[in-house]
Amino acid sequence: MMKKETEFLAVIYGLYDPREPDHVRYIGWTKLGCRHRRMIYHIREVKKSGSDDPRALWFKALWKDGVKPKMKTLDKAVITKSKVYELEKEWICKMASDGHILCNISNNPTFKGIKYWQMFNEGQTLYPSPFPIINAVVSQLVAIREYF
């Protein structure tokens, strides 16, 4: 007998520069009531890792200007963990197609483990793939690299 996945209330959130509140730079998900904890995790991860992924570069550019990223709720859903990744992917696709320059480099299983940060660092503009989201994300990463 297969165990049924537990549903929970998930929040899809967007991180943005408070100077540009209509432009989302990162999309993620967390459980309801954990938004503050999730933001702290992002900050600690960037500070401790010394990472140079697009999200870290964006955070560091904000901090250099004395600005902290803000978080806003984009969507809420009662959902299972396996389905929340699909919802997150839908939001990433939607926001990318609406022109938002996103910093997402997720290891999310829906992205098939592609190492976006490697393509970003190599300056690739196109990745041969049947998935249009991959080409869109790589193009977004190149735009971020040029921005910073």
Protein backbone atom coordinates (compact mmCIF):
# COMPACT_ATOMS: atom_id res chain seq x y z
CA MET A 1 0.00 0.00 0.00
CA MET A 2 1.37 3.38 -1.02
CA LYS A 3 1.51 6.10 1.60
CA LYS A 4 -0.56 9.16 0.72
CA GLU A 5 1.36 12.44 0.68
CA THR A 6 0.41 14.94 3.34
CA GLU A 7 -1.02 18.24 2.19
CA PHE A 8 0.01 21.54 3.72
CA LEU A 9 -0.54 25.24 3.06
CA ALA A 10 2.29 26.42 0.83
CA VAL A 11 3.19 29.98 -0.03
CA ILE A 12 4.83 30.87 -3.32
CA TYR A 13 6.83 34.03 -2.67
CA GLY A 14 8.81 36.53 -4.67
CA LEU A 15 11.90 38.38 -3.50
CA TYR A 16 12.32 41.90 -4.80
CA ASP A 17 14.32 45.09 -4.44
CA PRO A 18 12.16 47.54 -2.43
CA ARG A 19 13.27 50.26 -4.86
CA GLU A 20 11.61 48.24 -7.64
CA PRO A 21 8.64 46.56 -5.93
CA ASP A 22 6.99 45.52 -9.19
CA HIS A 23 10.02 43.57 -10.36
CA VAL A 24 10.47 40.13 -8.77
CA ARG A 25 14.03 38.74 -8.84
CA TYR A 26 13.61 35.34 -7.16
CA ILE A 27 10.71 32.93 -6.71
CA GLY A 28 10.51 30.22 -4.08
CA TRP A 29 8.13 28.38 -1.81
CA THR A 30 7.76 27.79 1.89
CA LYS A 31 5.14 26.57 4.31
CA LEU A 32 2.66 29.11 5.64
CA GLY A 33 4.08 30.77 8.75
CA CYS A 34 7.69 30.15 7.70
CA ARG A 35 8.30 33.16 5.44
CA HIS A 36 10.51 34.98 7.93
CA ARG A 37 12.55 31.84 8.60
CA ARG A 38 12.94 31.28 4.85
CA MET A 39 14.25 34.84 4.31
CA ILE A 40 16.76 34.37 7.14
CA TYR A 41 17.86 31.11 5.48
CA HIS A 42 18.49 32.92 2.16
CA ILE A 43 20.56 35.60 3.91
CA ARG A 44 22.61 33.11 5.94
CA GLU A 45 23.17 30.89 2.93
CA VAL A 46 24.56 33.79 0.89
CA LYS A 47 26.74 35.10 3.75
CA LYS A 48 28.15 31.71 4.78
CA SER A 49 28.64 30.06 1.42
CA GLY A 50 30.60 32.78 -0.33
CA SER A 51 28.57 31.75 -3.34
CA ASP A 52 28.59 33.67 -6.59
CA ASP A 53 25.32 32.34 -7.95
CA PRO A 54 22.93 34.96 -9.39
CA ARG A 55 20.84 35.21 -6.21
CA ALA A 56 23.97 35.79 -4.11
CA LEU A 57 25.28 38.41 -6.54
CA TRP A 58 21.94 40.20 -6.40
CA PHE A 59 21.81 40.09 -2.58
CA LYS A 60 25.38 41.42 -2.36
CA ALA A 61 24.59 44.26 -4.78
CA LEU A 62 21.58 45.22 -2.64
CA TRP A 63 23.61 45.11 0.58
CA LYS A 64 26.32 47.23 -1.00
CA ASP A 65 23.64 49.90 -1.56
CA GLY A 66 22.36 49.49 2.01
CA VAL A 67 19.15 47.77 0.85
CA LYS A 68 17.58 44.53 2.07
CA PRO A 69 15.53 42.29 -0.24
CA LYS A 70 11.82 42.13 0.54
CA MET A 71 9.43 39.20 0.23
CA LYS A 72 5.87 39.18 -1.04
CA THR A 73 3.29 36.42 -1.39
CA LEU A 74 2.45 35.53 -4.98
CA ASP A 75 0.20 32.53 -4.35
CA LYS A 76 -1.07 30.18 -1.64
CA ALA A 77 -2.26 26.61 -2.05
CA VAL A 78 -3.12 23.54 -0.03
CA ILE A 79 -0.80 21.12 -1.77
CA THR A 80 1.58 18.16 -1.44
CA LYS A 81 5.34 18.58 -1.50
CA SER A 82 5.66 16.88 -4.87
CA LYS A 83 3.08 19.24 -6.39
CA VAL A 84 4.47 22.44 -4.85
CA TYR A 85 7.53 22.15 -7.13
CA GLU A 86 5.22 22.20 -10.14
CA LEU A 87 3.45 25.29 -8.80
CA GLU A 88 6.81 26.98 -8.21
CA LYS A 89 7.85 26.11 -11.78
CA GLU A 90 4.60 27.60 -13.13
CA TRP A 91 5.31 30.85 -11.30
CA ILE A 92 8.91 30.93 -12.52
CA CYS A 93 7.69 30.44 -16.11
CA LYS A 94 4.98 33.07 -15.72
CA MET A 95 7.24 35.70 -14.21
CA ALA A 96 10.06 35.01 -16.70
CA SER A 97 7.62 35.33 -19.60
CA ASP A 98 6.33 38.60 -18.08
CA GLY A 99 9.87 39.99 -18.30
CA HIS A 100 11.11 39.56 -14.74
CA ILE A 101 14.87 38.88 -14.59
CA LEU A 102 14.95 35.97 -12.16
CA CYS A 103 17.91 34.73 -10.13
CA ASN A 104 16.56 31.20 -9.63
CA ILE A 105 19.12 28.37 -9.97
CA SER A 106 17.07 25.75 -8.23
CA ASN A 107 18.14 22.14 -7.82
CA ASN A 108 14.42 21.49 -8.05
CA PRO A 109 13.72 18.08 -9.62
CA THR A 110 11.47 19.70 -12.24
CA PHE A 111 14.61 21.30 -13.70
CA LYS A 112 16.32 17.92 -14.18
CA GLY A 113 19.39 18.90 -12.14
CA ILE A 114 20.80 21.30 -14.73
CA LYS A 115 23.58 23.41 -13.24
CA TYR A 116 22.43 26.88 -14.27
CA TRP A 117 25.19 28.58 -12.32
CA GLN A 118 27.80 26.87 -14.51
CA MET A 119 26.09 28.13 -17.67
CA PHE A 120 25.81 31.56 -16.04
CA ASN A 121 29.52 31.70 -15.24
CA GLU A 122 30.40 30.51 -18.73
CA GLY A 123 28.18 33.21 -20.27
CA GLN A 124 26.16 30.78 -22.36
CA THR A 125 23.05 32.31 -23.86
CA LEU A 126 21.36 29.17 -25.10
CA TYR A 127 21.11 25.63 -23.84
CA PRO A 128 19.94 22.97 -26.29
CA SER A 129 16.82 21.65 -24.68
CA PRO A 130 13.26 20.67 -25.53
CA PHE A 131 12.17 22.61 -22.44
CA PRO A 132 11.58 26.30 -23.27
CA ILE A 133 11.90 27.25 -19.59
CA ILE A 134 15.56 26.22 -19.64
CA ASN A 135 16.34 28.57 -22.53
CA ALA A 136 14.38 31.34 -20.80
CA VAL A 137 16.20 30.85 -17.51
CA VAL A 138 19.63 30.78 -19.14
CA SER A 139 18.81 33.98 -21.01
CA GLN A 140 17.70 35.52 -17.71
CA LEU A 141 20.99 34.50 -16.07
CA VAL A 142 23.01 36.06 -18.84
CA ALA A 143 20.99 39.28 -18.43
CA ILE A 144 21.71 39.22 -14.67
CA ARG A 145 25.41 38.68 -15.33
CA GLU A 146 25.46 41.71 -17.64
CA TYR A 147 23.47 43.76 -15.11
CA PHE A 148 26.06 43.25 -12.36
